[in-house]
Amino acid sequence: MRRSKLFVAVAIPVVGVLGAAGLARGAGTLPSPFSVVNGSIRPATGTPVPPSGTQASLWSNNSYATTVVTGSGRVIIGATGDNCQGWPTLEVWVDGASVGRTTVVSHTQYGNYPLQRAVGAGTHTVKVALVNDFRDASCDRNAHLASVRLEAVPTRPGAGNTGVPAGTKLTVHNGDINITADNTVIDGWDIHGFVRVNASNVTIRNSIIRGGDAKGTGRAVIQAYGVHPNFLIQDSTILPDFPSLWLDGLDGAHFTALRVDISGVVDSVKVIGDDVTIRDSYLHGNRHYTNDPTHPDGISHDDSIQFEGGTNFLAEHNTILGAYNAAWMVTQNWARSSNMRLIGNWIGGGGCTVNVSEKGKGPITGLVLRDNQFGPSRLNCAVIAPPTSAPTMVNNVYEGTTTPVAVKRGG
């Protein structure tokens, strides 16, 4: 239902209004942190329930809520939204200066929506406004705030916090390794050879893997094909001894890569299958070749991540850059693709940094880009996708700005 006009242009005194509500809900409930104009303080409808037990509901483009926070870093908004031909977008100001916009995409959970521009230490007044109100006969687009907080800006993954930890003592292993025993653990090795994962619950950690001579056949330094779940590689480095246009870094499916440094290959990661997570990693320094006979244009199509097909993919909080073709190439060469998320990354490079292509297999579903910062690309193109596979875009900006990233039609 549409809101009562009783609240129009009225600033609600928070403690007075919520004191009675708090008594009704029982002892221990805290006052709302918000004052609201053209909106209302109402019982919380999302989860997790905030300490006040209430939410600040914003109902029009004249609606806003204010609160005071202390600390430094970036602003994190906890909010839900009502989808009405689109989700609600919020603009956020700190001490009178805009720090950007974010779009709320959950109706039931107070998701955490970060603004990329950080603020210095101190006590700050934060204003949050609804800027794209809409309603028709069937629905009403609103936003509901549960919390505002500050958090330290996440450390960007790079050479100092990915790969083999400094000071690790490594044992040299010469030759290829074919892992066939479940629950194998490799820890602290310097492997001069290829690794093949043909078992479940395999772990490689604190190691450097260098591969070998690909000899004119497409290979990867680490290859994890087939249905062998729960392969984990962490705190490790992939850096080839014999770089070539035939050589990738990590290929396959059913793996998780944590704090991995991959460089010196054509495709840093090639996903062919389901259930892949890449987090806190550094994908950089791709090799680009101008004499690649495998492509009609004669050059290598090097990607930081090439997704060939599958479901359940997450790339979160990584630094992804240095590829000529795309930082994230989403295709369906191998199979239909679905449920892919790119969240909280620093990402750049490529002709178009994110390139989505259906490859004649129909729309790609569940493609979400959220809270990413985009760096430069060769063709000044951040994201390209066909309209039928357009990703859900939430709070993606160009690095160092509050300028939102748009999707170019194509692919």
Protein backbone atom coordinates (compact mmCIF):
# COMPACT_ATOMS: atom_id res chain seq x y z
CA MET A 1 0.00 0.00 0.00
CA ARG A 2 1.07 3.59 -0.66
CA ARG A 3 2.12 5.59 2.39
CA SER A 4 -0.02 8.02 4.23
CA LYS A 5 0.52 11.66 3.31
CA LEU A 6 0.63 12.37 7.06
CA PHE A 7 4.42 12.11 6.87
CA VAL A 8 5.03 14.54 4.03
CA ALA A 9 7.67 17.12 4.91
CA VAL A 10 7.71 16.13 8.58
CA ALA A 11 10.96 15.30 10.36
CA ILE A 12 10.18 12.58 12.89
CA PRO A 13 11.84 12.97 16.31
CA VAL A 14 13.41 9.57 16.64
CA VAL A 15 13.52 8.90 20.37
CA GLY A 16 10.02 10.17 21.05
CA VAL A 17 8.39 8.22 18.25
CA LEU A 18 10.29 5.02 18.91
CA GLY A 19 10.08 5.05 22.67
CA ALA A 20 6.48 3.86 22.60
CA ALA A 21 7.25 1.35 19.85
CA GLY A 22 10.13 0.04 21.92
CA LEU A 23 7.87 -0.47 24.95
CA ALA A 24 5.40 -2.35 22.77
CA ARG A 25 8.13 -4.69 21.58
CA GLY A 26 9.48 -5.30 25.05
CA ALA A 27 12.50 -4.40 27.13
CA GLY A 28 15.92 -4.24 25.55
CA THR A 29 14.89 -2.69 22.23
CA LEU A 30 17.02 0.29 21.25
CA PRO A 31 15.80 3.54 19.70
CA SER A 32 16.04 3.88 15.94
CA PRO A 33 19.25 5.53 14.73
CA PHE A 34 17.31 7.39 12.01
CA SER A 35 15.41 10.62 11.64
CA VAL A 36 13.12 10.54 8.61
CA VAL A 37 11.56 13.11 6.26
CA ASN A 38 8.67 12.04 4.01
CA GLY A 39 8.87 8.50 5.32
CA SER A 40 8.20 6.47 8.43
CA ILE A 41 9.83 4.47 11.19
CA ARG A 42 8.15 1.07 11.10
CA PRO A 43 8.65 -2.41 12.60
CA ALA A 44 11.44 -4.24 10.83
CA THR A 45 10.30 -6.67 8.14
CA GLY A 46 13.69 -7.99 7.01
CA THR A 47 16.45 -10.07 8.55
CA PRO A 48 18.62 -9.91 10.52
CA VAL A 49 16.39 -7.79 12.75
CA PRO A 50 18.27 -4.59 13.74
CA PRO A 51 18.76 -3.78 17.45
CA SER A 52 15.99 -1.16 17.29
CA GLY A 53 13.55 -3.66 15.85
CA THR A 54 12.62 -1.01 13.29
CA GLN A 55 13.38 0.18 9.79
CA ALA A 56 13.25 3.62 8.16
CA SER A 57 10.93 3.35 5.16
CA LEU A 58 11.47 5.76 2.25
CA TRP A 59 8.47 6.19 -0.04
CA SER A 60 9.14 8.96 -2.53
CA ASN A 61 11.87 10.96 -4.21
CA ASN A 62 11.43 13.48 -1.40
CA SER A 63 12.09 10.81 1.22
CA TYR A 64 15.32 10.64 3.16
CA ALA A 65 16.72 9.43 6.44
CA THR A 66 19.62 10.81 8.44
CA THR A 67 21.81 9.33 11.12
CA VAL A 68 25.18 9.98 12.79
CA VAL A 69 28.10 7.54 12.65
CA THR A 70 31.61 7.72 14.07
CA GLY A 71 34.75 6.29 12.50
CA SER A 72 36.39 6.20 9.07
CA GLY A 73 36.25 4.20 5.88
CA ARG A 74 33.43 3.52 3.46
CA VAL A 75 29.72 3.69 4.23
CA ILE A 76 27.81 0.41 4.36
CA ILE A 77 24.03 0.58 4.03
CA GLY A 78 21.85 -2.23 5.38
CA ALA A 79 18.56 -2.14 3.50
CA THR A 80 15.76 -4.04 1.77
CA GLY A 81 13.69 -2.90 -1.18
CA ASP A 82 10.34 -3.38 -2.88
CA ASN A 83 10.77 -4.23 -6.55
CA CYS A 84 8.31 -2.45 -8.83
CA GLN A 85 9.55 -2.67 -12.42
CA GLY A 86 13.02 -2.27 -10.92
CA TRP A 87 14.73 -2.06 -7.54
CA PRO A 88 15.10 1.13 -5.48
CA THR A 89 18.27 3.21 -5.82
CA LEU A 90 19.66 5.17 -2.89
CA GLU A 91 21.97 8.17 -2.96
CA VAL A 92 24.17 8.69 0.09
CA TRP A 93 25.71 11.90 1.41
CA VAL A 94 28.28 12.21 4.18
CA ASP A 95 28.55 15.64 5.81
CA GLY A 96 26.72 17.15 2.84
CA ALA A 97 28.89 15.59 0.09
CA SER A 98 27.63 12.75 -2.09
CA VAL A 99 29.61 9.50 -1.80
CA GLY A 100 27.63 7.73 -4.51
CA ARG A 101 24.59 5.59 -5.22
CA THR A 102 23.69 1.97 -4.64
CA THR A 103 20.76 -0.17 -5.73
CA VAL A 104 19.04 -2.44 -3.22
CA VAL A 105 18.24 -5.88 -4.65
CA SER A 106 16.80 -7.86 -1.71
CA HIS A 107 13.26 -7.83 -0.36
CA THR A 108 13.83 -9.99 2.70
CA GLN A 109 17.43 -9.56 3.90
CA TYR A 110 19.09 -6.29 4.91
CA GLY A 111 21.99 -6.79 2.53
CA ASN A 112 25.18 -4.81 2.99
CA TYR A 113 25.58 -2.22 0.23
CA PRO A 114 28.96 -0.41 0.30
CA LEU A 115 29.69 3.01 -1.18
CA GLN A 116 33.14 3.09 -2.71
CA ARG A 117 34.27 6.57 -1.66
CA ALA A 118 35.82 6.51 1.82
CA VAL A 119 35.62 9.22 4.49
CA GLY A 120 38.18 10.23 7.09
CA ALA A 121 38.05 9.71 10.84
CA GLY A 122 35.47 11.64 12.81
CA THR A 123 31.78 11.91 13.60
CA HIS A 124 29.74 12.14 10.40
CA THR A 125 26.17 12.92 9.45
CA VAL A 126 24.91 10.47 6.83
CA LYS A 127 21.88 11.16 4.67
CA VAL A 128 20.26 8.40 2.61
CA ALA A 129 17.64 9.28 -0.01
CA LEU A 130 15.44 7.33 -2.41
CA VAL A 131 16.04 8.72 -5.91
CA ASN A 132 14.03 6.51 -8.29
CA ASP A 133 10.55 6.20 -6.76
CA PHE A 134 7.94 4.47 -8.92
CA ARG A 135 4.45 3.06 -8.52
CA ASP A 136 1.65 1.76 -10.68
CA ALA A 137 -1.64 -0.02 -10.06
CA SER A 138 0.08 -3.27 -9.12
CA CYS A 139 3.19 -2.31 -7.13
CA ASP A 140 5.12 0.39 -5.28
CA ARG A 141 8.92 0.82 -5.26
CA ASN A 142 10.18 1.66 -1.74
CA ALA A 143 13.35 1.27 0.32
CA HIS A 144 13.70 0.29 3.97
CA LEU A 145 16.85 1.13 5.96
CA ALA A 146 17.99 -0.96 8.89
CA SER A 147 21.51 0.33 9.47
CA VAL A 148 24.34 2.61 8.40
CA ARG A 149 27.91 1.89 9.46
CA LEU A 150 31.51 2.60 8.47
CA GLU A 151 34.08 -0.08 7.73
CA ALA A 152 37.71 0.02 6.76
CA VAL A 153 38.27 -0.01 3.03
CA PRO A 154 39.27 -3.58 2.10
CA THR A 155 42.92 -4.11 1.27
CA ARG A 156 43.34 -4.62 -2.44
CA PRO A 157 44.82 -8.02 -3.33
CA GLY A 158 48.30 -7.74 -4.83
CA ALA A 159 51.85 -9.00 -4.68
CA GLY A 160 52.16 -8.44 -0.94
CA ASN A 161 49.12 -10.41 0.22
CA THR A 162 48.63 -13.19 -2.34
CA GLY A 163 50.72 -16.12 -3.47
CA VAL A 164 53.25 -18.01 -1.39
CA PRO A 165 53.67 -16.19 1.95
CA ALA A 166 57.04 -14.53 2.43
CA GLY A 167 59.53 -16.71 4.28
CA THR A 168 57.87 -20.02 3.36
CA LYS A 169 60.42 -22.82 3.07
CA LEU A 170 59.75 -24.72 -0.16
CA THR A 171 60.62 -28.28 -1.14
CA VAL A 172 61.53 -28.57 -4.84
CA HIS A 173 59.69 -31.19 -6.88
CA ASN A 174 60.77 -31.79 -10.48
CA GLY A 175 58.21 -33.33 -12.82
CA ASP A 176 54.48 -33.51 -13.37
CA ILE A 177 52.06 -34.57 -10.64
CA ASN A 178 48.83 -36.51 -11.25
CA ILE A 179 46.79 -36.51 -8.04
CA THR A 180 44.54 -39.58 -7.87
CA ALA A 181 44.14 -40.10 -4.09
CA ASP A 182 41.28 -38.33 -2.33
CA ASN A 183 42.21 -35.94 0.51
CA THR A 184 45.73 -35.32 -0.82
CA VAL A 185 47.46 -32.27 0.70
CA ILE A 186 50.45 -30.56 -0.93
CA ASP A 187 51.99 -27.94 1.35
CA GLY A 188 55.14 -25.91 0.77
CA TRP A 189 56.26 -27.30 -2.58
CA ASP A 190 58.04 -25.69 -5.51
CA ILE A 191 56.69 -27.74 -8.40
CA HIS A 192 58.55 -27.62 -11.73
CA GLY A 193 55.88 -29.45 -13.68
CA PHE A 194 52.17 -29.66 -14.44
CA VAL A 195 49.59 -30.64 -11.83
CA ARG A 196 46.49 -32.68 -12.68
CA VAL A 197 43.73 -33.05 -10.11
CA ASN A 198 41.86 -36.35 -10.52
CA ALA A 199 40.60 -36.82 -6.98
CA SER A 200 38.25 -35.21 -4.47
CA ASN A 201 39.04 -32.99 -1.47
CA VAL A 202 42.52 -32.10 -2.72
CA THR A 203 44.38 -29.15 -1.15
CA ILE A 204 47.40 -27.27 -2.49
CA ARG A 205 48.71 -24.51 -0.23
CA ASN A 206 51.81 -22.39 0.33
CA SER A 207 53.26 -23.63 -2.96
CA ILE A 208 54.46 -22.37 -6.33
CA ILE A 209 53.49 -24.29 -9.45
CA ARG A 210 55.52 -23.62 -12.60
CA GLY A 211 54.25 -26.09 -15.20
CA GLY A 212 56.35 -27.31 -18.09
CA ASP A 213 56.68 -27.01 -21.86
CA ALA A 214 53.20 -27.13 -23.41
CA LYS A 215 54.76 -28.18 -26.76
CA GLY A 216 52.07 -26.83 -29.04
CA THR A 217 49.07 -28.34 -27.23
CA GLY A 218 46.64 -26.36 -25.08
CA ARG A 219 47.36 -27.02 -21.43
CA ALA A 220 47.14 -25.37 -18.05
CA VAL A 221 49.69 -25.29 -15.25
CA ILE A 222 46.98 -26.78 -13.02
CA GLN A 223 44.15 -28.75 -14.60
CA ALA A 224 41.10 -29.83 -12.60
CA TYR A 225 38.64 -31.35 -15.04
CA GLY A 226 35.94 -33.89 -14.29
CA VAL A 227 33.67 -34.14 -11.27
CA HIS A 228 36.19 -34.13 -8.42
CA PRO A 229 34.67 -31.77 -5.83
CA ASN A 230 36.32 -29.55 -3.25
CA PHE A 231 39.69 -28.84 -4.79
CA LEU A 232 41.21 -25.98 -2.80
CA ILE A 233 44.27 -23.98 -3.81
CA GLN A 234 45.30 -21.24 -1.40
CA ASP A 235 48.24 -18.97 -0.63
CA SER A 236 49.97 -20.22 -3.75
CA THR A 237 51.58 -18.88 -6.93
CA ILE A 238 51.13 -20.00 -10.53
CA LEU A 239 54.05 -18.72 -12.61
CA PRO A 240 55.20 -20.76 -15.63
CA ASP A 241 58.77 -21.79 -16.33
CA PHE A 242 57.94 -21.98 -20.07
CA PRO A 243 55.40 -19.27 -21.04
CA SER A 244 53.75 -19.89 -24.41
CA LEU A 245 50.60 -19.14 -26.36
CA TRP A 246 49.44 -22.68 -25.52
CA LEU A 247 49.51 -22.26 -21.75
CA ASP A 248 46.82 -21.23 -19.23
CA GLY A 249 47.07 -20.94 -15.46
CA LEU A 250 44.23 -22.83 -13.73
CA ASP A 251 41.56 -24.68 -15.76
CA GLY A 252 38.60 -26.81 -14.78
CA ALA A 253 35.71 -26.87 -12.31
CA HIS A 254 34.73 -27.65 -8.72
CA PHE A 255 37.56 -25.61 -7.20
CA THR A 256 38.15 -22.71 -4.84
CA ALA A 257 41.13 -20.38 -5.23
CA LEU A 258 42.02 -18.23 -2.19
CA ARG A 259 44.83 -15.65 -2.16
CA VAL A 260 46.35 -17.07 -5.34
CA ASP A 261 48.75 -15.08 -7.54
CA ILE A 262 48.53 -16.03 -11.23
CA SER A 263 50.62 -14.38 -13.97
CA GLY A 264 52.59 -15.09 -17.12
CA VAL A 265 49.90 -17.21 -18.85
CA VAL A 266 47.33 -16.63 -21.60
CA ASP A 267 44.09 -17.23 -19.64
CA SER A 268 44.67 -16.88 -15.90
CA VAL A 269 41.62 -19.02 -15.11
CA LYS A 270 39.42 -21.00 -17.48
CA VAL A 271 36.18 -22.34 -16.01
CA ILE A 272 34.60 -25.33 -17.73
CA GLY A 273 31.96 -26.66 -15.37
CA ASP A 274 30.26 -25.93 -12.06
CA ASP A 275 31.03 -24.68 -8.57
CA VAL A 276 34.03 -22.36 -8.82
CA THR A 277 35.00 -19.62 -6.35
CA ILE A 278 37.93 -17.20 -6.75
CA ARG A 279 38.47 -14.92 -3.77
CA ASP A 280 41.16 -12.52 -2.49
CA SER A 281 43.39 -13.36 -5.47
CA TYR A 282 45.62 -11.46 -7.90
CA LEU A 283 45.20 -12.24 -11.61
CA HIS A 284 47.59 -10.12 -13.66
CA GLY A 285 50.34 -9.95 -16.25
CA ASN A 286 48.73 -12.07 -18.98
CA ARG A 287 50.83 -13.07 -21.97
CA HIS A 288 49.60 -11.66 -25.29
CA TYR A 289 50.82 -13.09 -28.59
CA THR A 290 50.53 -11.57 -32.06
CA ASN A 291 51.23 -14.86 -33.86
CA ASP A 292 48.52 -17.18 -32.56
CA PRO A 293 47.43 -19.66 -35.28
CA THR A 294 44.45 -20.84 -33.22
CA HIS A 295 42.47 -17.63 -33.88
CA PRO A 296 41.41 -16.19 -37.26
CA ASP A 297 42.73 -12.74 -36.39
CA GLY A 298 46.16 -14.20 -35.61
CA ILE A 299 46.44 -12.89 -32.04
CA SER A 300 45.86 -14.54 -28.69
CA HIS A 301 42.52 -13.93 -26.98
CA ASP A 302 43.95 -13.78 -23.50
CA ASP A 303 41.45 -13.38 -20.65
CA SER A 304 41.90 -13.07 -16.92
CA ILE A 305 38.88 -15.36 -16.44
CA GLN A 306 37.20 -17.20 -19.29
CA PHE A 307 33.91 -18.82 -18.37
CA GLU A 308 33.09 -21.52 -20.94
CA GLY A 309 29.91 -22.81 -19.32
CA GLY A 310 28.45 -24.11 -16.07
CA THR A 311 26.74 -22.80 -12.97
CA ASN A 312 27.59 -21.42 -9.52
CA PHE A 313 30.56 -19.14 -10.13
CA LEU A 314 31.77 -16.45 -7.73
CA ALA A 315 34.68 -14.04 -8.12
CA GLU A 316 34.85 -11.88 -5.00
CA HIS A 317 37.39 -9.35 -3.74
CA ASN A 318 40.08 -9.95 -6.35
CA THR A 319 42.39 -7.73 -8.38
CA ILE A 320 41.82 -8.73 -12.01
CA LEU A 321 43.76 -6.94 -14.74
CA GLY A 322 46.32 -7.26 -17.51
CA ALA A 323 44.45 -9.24 -20.18
CA TYR A 324 44.18 -8.09 -23.79
CA ASN A 325 40.80 -9.60 -24.69
CA ALA A 326 38.71 -9.38 -21.48
CA ALA A 327 39.10 -9.49 -17.74
CA TRP A 328 35.99 -11.68 -17.56
CA MET A 329 34.88 -13.41 -20.75
CA VAL A 330 31.50 -15.06 -20.25
CA THR A 331 30.56 -17.52 -22.99
CA GLN A 332 28.64 -20.73 -23.50
CA ASN A 333 31.18 -22.53 -25.68
CA TRP A 334 30.94 -25.66 -23.54
CA ALA A 335 27.47 -25.45 -21.98
CA ARG A 336 24.72 -23.10 -20.85
CA SER A 337 25.89 -20.63 -18.21
CA SER A 338 24.00 -19.51 -15.11
CA ASN A 339 24.35 -18.12 -11.59
CA MET A 340 27.55 -16.12 -11.99
CA ARG A 341 28.54 -13.34 -9.60
CA LEU A 342 31.32 -10.75 -9.76
CA ILE A 343 31.37 -8.97 -6.39
CA GLY A 344 33.69 -6.40 -4.85
CA ASN A 345 36.58 -6.68 -7.31
CA TRP A 346 39.10 -4.25 -8.74
CA ILE A 347 38.86 -5.11 -12.41
CA GLY A 348 40.22 -3.64 -15.62
CA GLY A 349 41.82 -4.28 -18.97
CA GLY A 350 40.56 -6.03 -22.07
CA GLY A 351 38.81 -4.50 -25.05
CA CYS A 352 35.65 -4.60 -22.96
CA THR A 353 36.53 -5.52 -19.40
CA VAL A 354 33.48 -7.79 -19.01
CA ASN A 355 32.36 -9.39 -22.28
CA VAL A 356 29.19 -11.52 -22.36
CA SER A 357 28.40 -13.70 -25.39
CA GLU A 358 25.55 -16.20 -25.67
CA LYS A 359 27.25 -18.21 -28.44
CA GLY A 360 23.88 -19.15 -29.93
CA LYS A 361 22.76 -21.10 -26.84
CA GLY A 362 20.19 -18.62 -25.56
CA PRO A 363 20.14 -16.15 -22.67
CA ILE A 364 22.61 -16.38 -19.82
CA THR A 365 20.75 -16.25 -16.50
CA GLY A 366 21.71 -15.13 -13.01
CA LEU A 367 24.55 -12.81 -14.05
CA VAL A 368 25.26 -10.29 -11.26
CA LEU A 369 27.92 -7.56 -11.06
CA ARG A 370 27.98 -5.82 -7.68
CA ASP A 371 30.28 -3.39 -5.86
CA ASN A 372 33.09 -3.61 -8.42
CA GLN A 373 35.54 -0.84 -9.30
CA PHE A 374 36.44 -0.71 -12.98
CA GLY A 375 39.77 0.48 -14.32
CA PRO A 376 40.66 1.45 -17.91
CA SER A 377 40.07 -0.81 -20.92
CA ARG A 378 41.48 -0.68 -24.47
CA LEU A 379 38.18 0.32 -26.08
CA ASN A 380 36.79 2.40 -23.22
CA CYS A 381 34.20 -0.32 -22.65
CA ALA A 382 33.52 -1.63 -19.16
CA VAL A 383 30.72 -4.14 -19.80
CA ILE A 384 29.21 -5.42 -23.05
CA ALA A 385 26.30 -7.87 -23.19
CA PRO A 386 23.33 -8.72 -25.39
CA PRO A 387 20.00 -7.36 -24.05
CA THR A 388 18.74 -10.90 -23.45
CA SER A 389 21.68 -11.59 -21.11
CA ALA A 390 22.09 -8.16 -19.54
CA PRO A 391 23.61 -8.51 -16.06
CA THR A 392 22.10 -7.15 -12.89
CA MET A 393 24.27 -4.12 -12.10
CA VAL A 394 24.55 -2.92 -8.49
CA ASN A 395 26.94 -0.20 -7.33
CA ASN A 396 29.61 -0.69 -9.99
CA VAL A 397 31.71 2.44 -10.49
CA TYR A 398 34.82 3.59 -12.27
CA GLU A 399 37.77 3.41 -9.92
CA GLY A 400 38.29 6.50 -7.80
CA THR A 401 34.91 8.00 -8.77
CA THR A 402 31.22 7.66 -8.01
CA THR A 403 30.40 7.41 -11.74
CA PRO A 404 28.25 4.33 -12.36
CA VAL A 405 29.27 1.78 -14.96
CA ALA A 406 26.83 1.27 -17.82
CA VAL A 407 26.25 -1.83 -19.95
CA LYS A 408 26.91 -1.52 -23.66
CA ARG A 409 24.68 -3.59 -25.91
CA GLY A 410 26.50 -6.17 -27.99
CA GLY A 411 28.48 -9.30 -27.38
